């Protein structure tokens, strides 16, 4: 097949997404030329649903650990002469209008390799954790250095950096963006929604594992790109390791000194709460979300430690799943 530089094909990745995958497939109908669904060992009928929707299905085998990056690479490889490729996850539904707007923006700038938008949570009020996701995903529009996985990318740009790194279990999208920018491509976020997403987080344990996975990404991507997420790693080390150690040491010297040091946590919480209010987070959610963001440094540290333990022991980087 001859390449059509303006045609859009879609790659979805998923594992046991159920009804969310059906909604994702339905949202693509009439908006893209072809759909490839890459499945990572689902046991819920996802493969049958994708086949019924007319998608080309790629089943990842268990010869290597599953990862989102491995799935996206396999999906891209299954496309015949792609021009533009839309990548979304199987728990996301494409918002009408994004593809046309993103394709038009790419046509305006030949050095623009990737366009993204905002991922929106479909049920932000269902839980504090869903609300937190919705806040995290609404970043400023314009030129960017990295983004999440909902992207429209030129096939040539994808090939120029050999796609994503399959050994990354999280942060693979950001790492791909960093290499894309280093290769001379520009990246941009449009001021509109690209997908609607169902985080489906209702339990504290799910949030904890998601935050642990984020810490793993801070460490793993940071080893490859030391400047990226440097501030995040420093904050994790300070709030979850250095300050607690200082408080414990202070207890042996002066209880009042320990109390004074411990006050840094509520002060940080008040600063985060002010930021959340500026970003338009509903007032009733602000205190709890601020507390979660202060606490998140602990699972972040656990994730960073998990990465370095795995690396030093030569173990595989397996997924940290929260759903």
C-alpha atoms as a PDB file:
ATOM      1  CA  UNK A   1       0.000   0.000   0.000  1.00  0.00           C
ATOM      2  CA  UNK A   2       1.256   3.470  -0.873  1.00  0.00           C
ATOM      3  CA  UNK A   3       1.686   5.840   2.058  1.00  0.00           C
ATOM      4  CA  UNK A   4      -0.920   8.590   2.445  1.00  0.00           C
ATOM      5  CA  UNK A   5       0.741  11.227   4.630  1.00  0.00           C
ATOM      6  CA  UNK A   6      -2.630  12.634   5.750  1.00  0.00           C
ATOM      7  CA  UNK A   7      -4.410   9.361   6.556  1.00  0.00           C
ATOM      8  CA  UNK A   8      -4.869   8.551  10.251  1.00  0.00           C
ATOM      9  CA  UNK A   9      -4.618   5.012  11.603  1.00  0.00           C
ATOM     10  CA  UNK A  10      -5.196   4.151  15.255  1.00  0.00           C
ATOM     11  CA  UNK A  11      -3.375   1.869  17.678  1.00  0.00           C
ATOM     12  CA  UNK A  12      -5.104   0.861  20.909  1.00  0.00           C
ATOM     13  CA  UNK A  13      -3.480  -1.118  23.701  1.00  0.00           C
ATOM     14  CA  UNK A  14      -5.304  -2.865  26.499  1.00  0.00           C
ATOM     15  CA  UNK A  15      -5.677  -5.651  29.018  1.00  0.00           C
ATOM     16  CA  UNK A  16      -9.027  -6.737  30.455  1.00  0.00           C
ATOM     17  CA  UNK A  17     -10.696  -3.376  29.755  1.00  0.00           C
ATOM     18  CA  UNK A  18     -14.129  -4.871  29.084  1.00  0.00           C
ATOM     19  CA  UNK A  19     -16.824  -2.267  28.367  1.00  0.00           C
ATOM     20  CA  UNK A  20     -14.204   0.500  28.323  1.00  0.00           C
ATOM     21  CA  UNK A  21     -12.554  -1.123  25.306  1.00  0.00           C
ATOM     22  CA  UNK A  22     -15.883  -1.438  23.507  1.00  0.00           C
ATOM     23  CA  UNK A  23     -16.474   2.291  24.061  1.00  0.00           C
ATOM     24  CA  UNK A  24     -12.953   3.085  22.828  1.00  0.00           C
ATOM     25  CA  UNK A  25     -13.477   1.101  19.638  1.00  0.00           C
ATOM     26  CA  UNK A  26     -16.877   2.706  19.051  1.00  0.00           C
ATOM     27  CA  UNK A  27     -15.366   6.183  19.436  1.00  0.00           C
ATOM     28  CA  UNK A  28     -12.908   5.533  16.596  1.00  0.00           C
ATOM     29  CA  UNK A  29     -15.558   4.564  14.064  1.00  0.00           C
ATOM     30  CA  UNK A  30     -15.593   7.022  11.165  1.00  0.00           C
ATOM     31  CA  UNK A  31     -12.648   9.034  12.516  1.00  0.00           C
ATOM     32  CA  UNK A  32      -9.700   6.872  11.453  1.00  0.00           C
ATOM     33  CA  UNK A  33      -8.806   4.693   8.487  1.00  0.00           C
ATOM     34  CA  UNK A  34      -7.707   1.522  10.261  1.00  0.00           C
ATOM     35  CA  UNK A  35      -7.588   0.278  13.846  1.00  0.00           C
ATOM     36  CA  UNK A  36      -5.042  -2.067  15.413  1.00  0.00           C
ATOM     37  CA  UNK A  37      -5.753  -3.411  18.884  1.00  0.00           C
ATOM     38  CA  UNK A  38      -2.831  -4.867  20.844  1.00  0.00           C
ATOM     39  CA  UNK A  39      -3.795  -7.160  23.702  1.00  0.00           C
ATOM     40  CA  UNK A  40      -1.583  -7.977  26.690  1.00  0.00           C
ATOM     41  CA  UNK A  41      -3.003 -11.292  27.859  1.00  0.00           C
ATOM     42  CA  UNK A  42      -6.650 -10.363  28.448  1.00  0.00           C
ATOM     43  CA  UNK A  43      -9.031 -12.998  29.797  1.00  0.00           C
ATOM     44  CA  UNK A  44     -12.288 -11.040  29.523  1.00  0.00           C
ATOM     45  CA  UNK A  45     -13.258 -11.225  25.875  1.00  0.00           C
ATOM     46  CA  UNK A  46     -11.380  -8.092  24.808  1.00  0.00           C
ATOM     47  CA  UNK A  47      -9.894  -9.822  21.771  1.00  0.00           C
ATOM     48  CA  UNK A  48     -13.320 -10.989  20.568  1.00  0.00           C
ATOM     49  CA  UNK A  49     -14.740  -7.492  21.060  1.00  0.00           C
ATOM     50  CA  UNK A  50     -11.946  -5.947  19.011  1.00  0.00           C
ATOM     51  CA  UNK A  51     -12.364  -8.485  16.223  1.00  0.00           C
ATOM     52  CA  UNK A  52     -16.122  -7.883  16.184  1.00  0.00           C
ATOM     53  CA  UNK A  53     -15.432  -4.154  15.774  1.00  0.00           C
ATOM     54  CA  UNK A  54     -13.289  -4.844  12.697  1.00  0.00           C
ATOM     55  CA  UNK A  55      -9.930  -4.092  14.298  1.00  0.00           C
ATOM     56  CA  UNK A  56      -6.741  -5.922  13.442  1.00  0.00           C
ATOM     57  CA  UNK A  57      -5.739  -7.748  16.613  1.00  0.00           C
ATOM     58  CA  UNK A  58      -2.181  -8.341  17.776  1.00  0.00           C
ATOM     59  CA  UNK A  59      -1.716 -10.620  20.784  1.00  0.00           C
ATOM     60  CA  UNK A  60       1.480 -10.071  22.731  1.00  0.00           C
ATOM     61  CA  UNK A  61       3.084 -13.322  23.825  1.00  0.00           C
ATOM     62  CA  UNK A  62       4.691 -13.872  27.202  1.00  0.00           C
ATOM     63  CA  UNK A  63       8.243 -14.150  25.891  1.00  0.00           C
ATOM     64  CA  UNK A  64       8.939 -10.745  27.444  1.00  0.00           C
ATOM     65  CA  UNK A  65       7.233  -8.733  30.199  1.00  0.00           C
ATOM     66  CA  UNK A  66       4.163  -6.804  29.097  1.00  0.00           C
ATOM     67  CA  UNK A  67       4.479  -3.030  28.827  1.00  0.00           C
ATOM     68  CA  UNK A  68       2.531  -0.230  27.175  1.00  0.00           C
ATOM     69  CA  UNK A  69       5.559   0.629  25.048  1.00  0.00           C
ATOM     70  CA  UNK A  70       5.893  -2.936  23.798  1.00  0.00           C
ATOM     71  CA  UNK A  71       2.224  -2.907  22.838  1.00  0.00           C
ATOM     72  CA  UNK A  72       2.459   0.392  20.978  1.00  0.00           C
ATOM     73  CA  UNK A  73       5.539  -0.751  19.074  1.00  0.00           C
ATOM     74  CA  UNK A  74       3.749  -3.949  18.048  1.00  0.00           C
ATOM     75  CA  UNK A  75       0.685  -1.989  16.971  1.00  0.00           C
ATOM     76  CA  UNK A  76       2.728   0.383  14.832  1.00  0.00           C
ATOM     77  CA  UNK A  77       4.558  -2.555  13.223  1.00  0.00           C
ATOM     78  CA  UNK A  78       1.201  -4.089  12.235  1.00  0.00           C
ATOM     79  CA  UNK A  79       0.182  -1.011  10.214  1.00  0.00           C
ATOM     80  CA  UNK A  80       0.647  -1.029   6.462  1.00  0.00           C
ATOM     81  CA  UNK A  81       2.295   2.187   5.178  1.00  0.00           C
ATOM     82  CA  UNK A  82       0.991   4.536   7.883  1.00  0.00           C
ATOM     83  CA  UNK A  83       1.083   8.303   7.510  1.00  0.00           C
ATOM     84  CA  UNK A  84      -0.265   9.613  10.828  1.00  0.00           C
ATOM     85  CA  UNK A  85      -0.850   7.331  13.806  1.00  0.00           C
ATOM     86  CA  UNK A  86      -3.197   7.962  16.711  1.00  0.00           C
ATOM     87  CA  UNK A  87      -2.216   6.178  19.917  1.00  0.00           C
ATOM     88  CA  UNK A  88      -4.764   5.847  22.713  1.00  0.00           C
ATOM     89  CA  UNK A  89      -5.287   3.374  25.529  1.00  0.00           C
ATOM     90  CA  UNK A  90      -8.087   0.849  25.615  1.00  0.00           C
ATOM     91  CA  UNK A  91      -9.772   2.603  28.541  1.00  0.00           C
ATOM     92  CA  UNK A  92     -10.063   5.903  26.638  1.00  0.00           C
ATOM     93  CA  UNK A  93     -12.661   7.165  24.169  1.00  0.00           C
ATOM     94  CA  UNK A  94     -11.603   9.518  21.381  1.00  0.00           C
ATOM     95  CA  UNK A  95     -13.273  12.930  21.482  1.00  0.00           C
ATOM     96  CA  UNK A  96     -14.819  13.966  18.130  1.00  0.00           C
ATOM     97  CA  UNK A  97     -12.941  16.782  16.446  1.00  0.00           C
ATOM     98  CA  UNK A  98      -9.488  16.125  17.860  1.00  0.00           C
ATOM     99  CA  UNK A  99      -8.219  14.129  14.891  1.00  0.00           C
ATOM    100  CA  UNK A 100      -9.206  16.799  12.373  1.00  0.00           C
ATOM    101  CA  UNK A 101      -7.724  19.607  14.485  1.00  0.00           C
ATOM    102  CA  UNK A 102      -4.491  17.722  15.132  1.00  0.00           C
ATOM    103  CA  UNK A 103      -4.091  16.681  11.500  1.00  0.00           C
ATOM    104  CA  UNK A 104      -4.599  20.296  10.387  1.00  0.00           C
ATOM    105  CA  UNK A 105      -2.005  21.499  12.889  1.00  0.00           C
ATOM    106  CA  UNK A 106       0.548  18.940  11.691  1.00  0.00           C
ATOM    107  CA  UNK A 107      -0.044  20.053   8.096  1.00  0.00           C
ATOM    108  CA  UNK A 108       0.901  23.612   9.085  1.00  0.00           C
ATOM    109  CA  UNK A 109       4.339  22.711  10.461  1.00  0.00           C
ATOM    110  CA  UNK A 110       6.474  19.963   8.847  1.00  0.00           C
ATOM    111  CA  UNK A 111       8.794  19.876  11.882  1.00  0.00           C
ATOM    112  CA  UNK A 112       5.918  19.261  14.267  1.00  0.00           C
ATOM    113  CA  UNK A 113       6.190  15.548  14.958  1.00  0.00           C
ATOM    114  CA  UNK A 114       3.529  15.047  17.596  1.00  0.00           C
ATOM    115  CA  UNK A 115       0.298  16.679  18.718  1.00  0.00           C
ATOM    116  CA  UNK A 116      -1.647  15.910  21.859  1.00  0.00           C
ATOM    117  CA  UNK A 117      -4.506  17.432  23.842  1.00  0.00           C
ATOM    118  CA  UNK A 118      -6.176  17.014  27.230  1.00  0.00           C
ATOM    119  CA  UNK A 119      -7.227  13.681  28.650  1.00  0.00           C
ATOM    120  CA  UNK A 120     -10.480  14.166  30.562  1.00  0.00           C
ATOM    121  CA  UNK A 121     -11.785  11.978  33.349  1.00  0.00           C
ATOM    122  CA  UNK A 122     -15.371  10.895  32.619  1.00  0.00           C
ATOM    123  CA  UNK A 123     -16.308  10.562  36.304  1.00  0.00           C
ATOM    124  CA  UNK A 124     -14.130  13.002  38.255  1.00  0.00           C
ATOM    125  CA  UNK A 125     -16.632  13.087  41.098  1.00  0.00           C
ATOM    126  CA  UNK A 126     -16.711   9.319  41.563  1.00  0.00           C
ATOM    127  CA  UNK A 127     -13.690   9.336  43.881  1.00  0.00           C
ATOM    128  CA  UNK A 128     -10.902  11.579  45.121  1.00  0.00           C
ATOM    129  CA  UNK A 129      -8.486   9.515  43.071  1.00  0.00           C
ATOM    130  CA  UNK A 130     -10.399  10.129  39.854  1.00  0.00           C
ATOM    131  CA  UNK A 131     -10.489  13.845  40.701  1.00  0.00           C
ATOM    132  CA  UNK A 132      -6.729  13.821  41.182  1.00  0.00           C
ATOM    133  CA  UNK A 133      -6.226  12.205  37.761  1.00  0.00           C
ATOM    134  CA  UNK A 134      -8.433  14.816  36.118  1.00  0.00           C
ATOM    135  CA  UNK A 135      -6.356  17.602  37.678  1.00  0.00           C
ATOM    136  CA  UNK A 136      -3.042  15.979  36.709  1.00  0.00           C
ATOM    137  CA  UNK A 137      -4.014  15.657  33.053  1.00  0.00           C
ATOM    138  CA  UNK A 138      -5.049  19.262  32.452  1.00  0.00           C
ATOM    139  CA  UNK A 139      -1.684  20.859  31.631  1.00  0.00           C
ATOM    140  CA  UNK A 140      -1.100  24.139  29.719  1.00  0.00           C
ATOM    141  CA  UNK A 141      -1.525  24.123  25.939  1.00  0.00           C
ATOM    142  CA  UNK A 142       1.252  25.140  23.555  1.00  0.00           C
ATOM    143  CA  UNK A 143       4.782  23.840  22.903  1.00  0.00           C
ATOM    144  CA  UNK A 144       5.712  20.982  25.251  1.00  0.00           C
ATOM    145  CA  UNK A 145       8.689  18.789  26.046  1.00  0.00           C
ATOM    146  CA  UNK A 146       6.734  15.664  26.991  1.00  0.00           C
ATOM    147  CA  UNK A 147       3.214  14.315  27.391  1.00  0.00           C
ATOM    148  CA  UNK A 148       1.166  11.210  28.078  1.00  0.00           C
ATOM    149  CA  UNK A 149       0.102   8.511  25.670  1.00  0.00           C
ATOM    150  CA  UNK A 150      -2.845  10.111  23.819  1.00  0.00           C
ATOM    151  CA  UNK A 151      -1.034  11.408  20.746  1.00  0.00           C
ATOM    152  CA  UNK A 152      -1.250  11.876  16.994  1.00  0.00           C
ATOM    153  CA  UNK A 153       2.257  11.353  15.636  1.00  0.00           C
ATOM    154  CA  UNK A 154       3.866  11.312  12.212  1.00  0.00           C
ATOM    155  CA  UNK A 155       4.925   7.811  11.244  1.00  0.00           C
ATOM    156  CA  UNK A 156       8.251   9.221  10.081  1.00  0.00           C
ATOM    157  CA  UNK A 157       8.846  10.835  13.472  1.00  0.00           C
ATOM    158  CA  UNK A 158       8.037   7.559  15.241  1.00  0.00           C
ATOM    159  CA  UNK A 159      10.482   5.662  13.041  1.00  0.00           C
ATOM    160  CA  UNK A 160      13.191   8.289  13.430  1.00  0.00           C
ATOM    161  CA  UNK A 161      13.606   7.373  17.109  1.00  0.00           C
ATOM    162  CA  UNK A 162      12.671   3.664  16.782  1.00  0.00           C
ATOM    163  CA  UNK A 163       9.403   4.058  18.673  1.00  0.00           C
ATOM    164  CA  UNK A 164       9.159   3.562  22.412  1.00  0.00           C
ATOM    165  CA  UNK A 165      11.441   1.656  24.760  1.00  0.00           C
ATOM    166  CA  UNK A 166       9.695  -1.638  25.632  1.00  0.00           C
ATOM    167  CA  UNK A 167      11.715  -2.075  28.840  1.00  0.00           C
ATOM    168  CA  UNK A 168      10.052   0.951  30.459  1.00  0.00           C
ATOM    169  CA  UNK A 169       7.072  -0.063  32.604  1.00  0.00           C
ATOM    170  CA  UNK A 170       5.951   3.557  33.108  1.00  0.00           C
ATOM    171  CA  UNK A 171       6.961   6.956  31.799  1.00  0.00           C
ATOM    172  CA  UNK A 172       7.485   5.487  28.337  1.00  0.00           C
ATOM    173  CA  UNK A 173       5.488   8.290  26.707  1.00  0.00           C
ATOM    174  CA  UNK A 174       7.563  11.044  28.290  1.00  0.00           C
ATOM    175  CA  UNK A 175      10.819   9.260  27.446  1.00  0.00           C
ATOM    176  CA  UNK A 176       9.715   8.880  23.820  1.00  0.00           C
ATOM    177  CA  UNK A 177       8.928  12.607  23.682  1.00  0.00           C
ATOM    178  CA  UNK A 178      12.370  13.499  25.023  1.00  0.00           C
ATOM    179  CA  UNK A 179      14.070  11.485  22.285  1.00  0.00           C
ATOM    180  CA  UNK A 180      11.731  12.945  19.686  1.00  0.00           C
ATOM    181  CA  UNK A 181      12.662  16.485  20.716  1.00  0.00           C
ATOM    182  CA  UNK A 182      16.365  15.569  20.735  1.00  0.00           C
ATOM    183  CA  UNK A 183      15.971  14.383  17.135  1.00  0.00           C
ATOM    184  CA  UNK A 184      14.766  17.865  16.122  1.00  0.00           C
ATOM    185  CA  UNK A 185      10.996  17.375  16.181  1.00  0.00           C
ATOM    186  CA  UNK A 186       8.635  19.817  17.860  1.00  0.00           C
ATOM    187  CA  UNK A 187       5.763  18.760  20.104  1.00  0.00           C
ATOM    188  CA  UNK A 188       2.551  20.624  20.922  1.00  0.00           C
ATOM    189  CA  UNK A 189      -0.527  20.331  23.100  1.00  0.00           C
ATOM    190  CA  UNK A 190      -3.738  21.706  21.597  1.00  0.00           C
ATOM    191  CA  UNK A 191      -6.262  23.437  23.878  1.00  0.00           C
ATOM    192  CA  UNK A 192      -8.920  20.760  23.452  1.00  0.00           C
ATOM    193  CA  UNK A 193      -9.716  17.295  24.725  1.00  0.00           C
ATOM    194  CA  UNK A 194      -8.280  14.296  22.932  1.00  0.00           C
ATOM    195  CA  UNK A 195      -9.813  11.471  24.983  1.00  0.00           C
ATOM    196  CA  UNK A 196     -12.206  10.792  27.808  1.00  0.00           C
ATOM    197  CA  UNK A 197     -10.846   8.317  30.319  1.00  0.00           C
ATOM    198  CA  UNK A 198     -12.191   6.218  33.147  1.00  0.00           C
ATOM    199  CA  UNK A 199      -9.522   5.949  35.859  1.00  0.00           C
ATOM    200  CA  UNK A 200     -11.839   3.600  37.784  1.00  0.00           C
ATOM    201  CA  UNK A 201      -9.937   4.183  41.036  1.00  0.00           C
ATOM    202  CA  UNK A 202     -12.113   3.777  44.093  1.00  0.00           C
ATOM    203  CA  UNK A 203      -9.662   2.380  46.676  1.00  0.00           C
ATOM    204  CA  UNK A 204      -6.682   3.852  48.495  1.00  0.00           C
ATOM    205  CA  UNK A 205      -4.620   0.791  47.552  1.00  0.00           C
ATOM    206  CA  UNK A 206      -5.131   1.543  43.858  1.00  0.00           C
ATOM    207  CA  UNK A 207      -3.922   5.120  44.318  1.00  0.00           C
ATOM    208  CA  UNK A 208      -0.916   3.895  46.318  1.00  0.00           C
ATOM    209  CA  UNK A 209       0.156   1.497  43.565  1.00  0.00           C
ATOM    210  CA  UNK A 210      -0.315   4.172  40.904  1.00  0.00           C
ATOM    211  CA  UNK A 211       1.889   6.535  42.907  1.00  0.00           C
ATOM    212  CA  UNK A 212       4.432   3.723  43.353  1.00  0.00           C
ATOM    213  CA  UNK A 213       4.480   3.243  39.595  1.00  0.00           C
ATOM    214  CA  UNK A 214       5.092   6.980  39.139  1.00  0.00           C
ATOM    215  CA  UNK A 215       8.117   6.751  41.433  1.00  0.00           C
ATOM    216  CA  UNK A 216       9.423   3.828  39.398  1.00  0.00           C
ATOM    217  CA  UNK A 217       9.126   6.030  36.301  1.00  0.00           C
ATOM    218  CA  UNK A 218      10.952   8.908  38.008  1.00  0.00           C
ATOM    219  CA  UNK A 219      13.906   6.599  38.639  1.00  0.00           C
ATOM    220  CA  UNK A 220      13.909   4.564  35.423  1.00  0.00           C
ATOM    221  CA  UNK A 221      13.453   7.491  33.040  1.00  0.00           C
ATOM    222  CA  UNK A 222      15.769   9.581  35.188  1.00  0.00           C
ATOM    223  CA  UNK A 223      18.567   7.080  34.676  1.00  0.00           C
ATOM    224  CA  UNK A 224      18.209   7.569  30.912  1.00  0.00           C
ATOM    225  CA  UNK A 225      17.589  11.331  31.013  1.00  0.00           C
ATOM    226  CA  UNK A 226      19.092  12.683  34.273  1.00  0.00           C
ATOM    227  CA  UNK A 227      17.631  16.181  33.890  1.00  0.00           C
ATOM    228  CA  UNK A 228      14.074  14.995  33.369  1.00  0.00           C
ATOM    229  CA  UNK A 229      12.010  14.748  36.577  1.00  0.00           C
ATOM    230  CA  UNK A 230      15.078  15.812  38.565  1.00  0.00           C
ATOM    231  CA  UNK A 231      12.991  18.167  40.705  1.00  0.00           C
ATOM    232  CA  UNK A 232      10.431  15.407  41.319  1.00  0.00           C
ATOM    233  CA  UNK A 233      13.128  12.983  42.472  1.00  0.00           C
ATOM    234  CA  UNK A 234      14.632  15.580  44.793  1.00  0.00           C
ATOM    235  CA  UNK A 235      11.231  16.318  46.327  1.00  0.00           C
ATOM    236  CA  UNK A 236      10.614  12.620  46.918  1.00  0.00           C
ATOM    237  CA  UNK A 237      13.974  12.148  48.610  1.00  0.00           C
ATOM    238  CA  UNK A 238      13.511  15.219  50.789  1.00  0.00           C
ATOM    239  CA  UNK A 239       9.922  14.674  51.939  1.00  0.00           C
ATOM    240  CA  UNK A 240       9.946  10.869  52.210  1.00  0.00           C
ATOM    241  CA  UNK A 241      13.510  10.169  53.329  1.00  0.00           C
ATOM    242  CA  UNK A 242      15.620  13.119  54.469  1.00  0.00           C
ATOM    243  CA  UNK A 243      12.982  14.999  56.484  1.00  0.00           C
ATOM    244  CA  UNK A 244      11.603  11.888  58.269  1.00  0.00           C
ATOM    245  CA  UNK A 245      15.163  10.888  59.168  1.00  0.00           C
ATOM    246  CA  UNK A 246      15.836  14.405  60.486  1.00  0.00           C
ATOM    247  CA  UNK A 247      12.652  14.296  62.595  1.00  0.00           C
ATOM    248  CA  UNK A 248      13.618  10.936  64.117  1.00  0.00           C
ATOM    249  CA  UNK A 249      17.079  12.251  64.884  1.00  0.00           C
ATOM    250  CA  UNK A 250      15.646  15.435  66.382  1.00  0.00           C
ATOM    251  CA  UNK A 251      13.471  13.399  68.754  1.00  0.00           C
ATOM    252  CA  UNK A 252      16.646  12.213  70.476  1.00  0.00           C
ATOM    253  CA  UNK A 253      17.862  15.800  70.846  1.00  0.00           C
ATOM    254  CA  UNK A 254      14.747  17.898  71.453  1.00  0.00           C
ATOM    255  CA  UNK A 255      11.084  16.944  71.042  1.00  0.00           C
ATOM    256  CA  UNK A 256      10.306  20.582  70.261  1.00  0.00           C
ATOM    257  CA  UNK A 257      12.783  20.545  67.394  1.00  0.00           C
ATOM    258  CA  UNK A 258      11.108  17.397  66.044  1.00  0.00           C
ATOM    259  CA  UNK A 259       7.702  19.088  66.208  1.00  0.00           C
ATOM    260  CA  UNK A 260       9.079  22.153  64.441  1.00  0.00           C
ATOM    261  CA  UNK A 261      10.485  20.017  61.632  1.00  0.00           C
ATOM    262  CA  UNK A 262       7.245  18.036  61.346  1.00  0.00           C
ATOM    263  CA  UNK A 263       5.319  21.263  60.782  1.00  0.00           C
ATOM    264  CA  UNK A 264       6.891  21.360  57.314  1.00  0.00           C
ATOM    265  CA  UNK A 265       4.295  18.793  56.191  1.00  0.00           C
ATOM    266  CA  UNK A 266       1.147  20.851  56.923  1.00  0.00           C
ATOM    267  CA  UNK A 267       2.896  23.943  55.524  1.00  0.00           C
ATOM    268  CA  UNK A 268       3.530  22.020  52.299  1.00  0.00           C
ATOM    269  CA  UNK A 269      -0.097  20.891  52.327  1.00  0.00           C
ATOM    270  CA  UNK A 270      -1.345  24.483  52.580  1.00  0.00           C
ATOM    271  CA  UNK A 271       0.848  25.506  49.631  1.00  0.00           C
ATOM    272  CA  UNK A 272      -0.446  22.609  47.540  1.00  0.00           C
ATOM    273  CA  UNK A 273      -4.038  23.470  48.507  1.00  0.00           C
ATOM    274  CA  UNK A 274      -3.530  27.032  47.262  1.00  0.00           C
ATOM    275  CA  UNK A 275      -2.257  25.674  43.942  1.00  0.00           C
ATOM    276  CA  UNK A 276      -5.251  23.350  43.608  1.00  0.00           C
ATOM    277  CA  UNK A 277      -7.662  26.215  44.251  1.00  0.00           C
ATOM    278  CA  UNK A 278      -5.924  28.320  41.579  1.00  0.00           C
ATOM    279  CA  UNK A 279      -6.377  25.439  39.151  1.00  0.00           C
ATOM    280  CA  UNK A 280     -10.122  25.355  39.759  1.00  0.00           C
ATOM    281  CA  UNK A 281     -10.362  22.143  41.800  1.00  0.00           C
ATOM    282  CA  UNK A 282     -13.695  22.050  43.695  1.00  0.00           C
ATOM    283  CA  UNK A 283     -13.183  23.475  47.191  1.00  0.00           C
ATOM    284  CA  UNK A 284     -14.673  20.418  48.895  1.00  0.00           C
ATOM    285  CA  UNK A 285     -11.932  18.225  47.367  1.00  0.00           C
ATOM    286  CA  UNK A 286      -8.960  20.504  47.997  1.00  0.00           C
ATOM    287  CA  UNK A 287      -7.973  19.453  51.565  1.00  0.00           C
ATOM    288  CA  UNK A 288      -8.051  15.717  50.845  1.00  0.00           C
ATOM    289  CA  UNK A 289      -6.240  16.067  47.513  1.00  0.00           C
ATOM    290  CA  UNK A 290      -3.552  18.222  49.116  1.00  0.00           C
ATOM    291  CA  UNK A 291      -3.064  15.540  51.772  1.00  0.00           C
ATOM    292  CA  UNK A 292      -2.757  12.855  49.102  1.00  0.00           C
ATOM    293  CA  UNK A 293      -0.166  14.866  47.204  1.00  0.00           C
ATOM    294  CA  UNK A 294       1.895  15.332  50.377  1.00  0.00           C
ATOM    295  CA  UNK A 295       1.593  11.622  51.172  1.00  0.00           C
ATOM    296  CA  UNK A 296       2.377  10.574  47.577  1.00  0.00           C
ATOM    297  CA  UNK A 297       6.104  11.052  48.173  1.00  0.00           C
ATOM    298  CA  UNK A 298       6.092   7.847  50.263  1.00  0.00           C
ATOM    299  CA  UNK A 299       4.849   5.485  47.511  1.00  0.00           C
ATOM    300  CA  UNK A 300       6.980   7.474  45.042  1.00  0.00           C
ATOM    301  CA  UNK A 301      10.033   6.613  47.136  1.00  0.00           C
ATOM    302  CA  UNK A 302       8.937   2.983  47.248  1.00  0.00           C
ATOM    303  CA  UNK A 303       8.717   2.969  43.442  1.00  0.00           C
ATOM    304  CA  UNK A 304      12.159   4.532  43.063  1.00  0.00           C
ATOM    305  CA  UNK A 305      13.606   1.955  45.458  1.00  0.00           C
ATOM    306  CA  UNK A 306      11.839  -0.833  43.551  1.00  0.00           C
ATOM    307  CA  UNK A 307      13.491   0.233  40.303  1.00  0.00           C
ATOM    308  CA  UNK A 308      17.001   0.390  41.757  1.00  0.00           C
ATOM    309  CA  UNK A 309      16.549  -2.905  43.607  1.00  0.00           C
ATOM    310  CA  UNK A 310      15.421  -4.604  40.420  1.00  0.00           C
ATOM    311  CA  UNK A 311      18.274  -3.084  38.447  1.00  0.00           C
ATOM    312  CA  UNK A 312      20.986  -3.997  40.960  1.00  0.00           C
ATOM    313  CA  UNK A 313      19.671  -7.560  41.171  1.00  0.00           C
ATOM    314  CA  UNK A 314      19.289  -7.874  37.408  1.00  0.00           C
ATOM    315  CA  UNK A 315      15.570  -8.570  37.591  1.00  0.00           C
ATOM    316  CA  UNK A 316      12.996  -7.839  34.895  1.00  0.00           C
ATOM    317  CA  UNK A 317      11.050  -4.584  35.070  1.00  0.00           C
ATOM    318  CA  UNK A 318       7.530  -5.985  35.410  1.00  0.00           C
ATOM    319  CA  UNK A 319       4.362  -3.891  35.421  1.00  0.00           C
ATOM    320  CA  UNK A 320       3.011  -2.254  38.564  1.00  0.00           C
ATOM    321  CA  UNK A 321      -0.733  -2.450  37.901  1.00  0.00           C
ATOM    322  CA  UNK A 322      -3.369  -0.555  39.860  1.00  0.00           C
ATOM    323  CA  UNK A 323      -6.579  -1.722  38.127  1.00  0.00           C
END
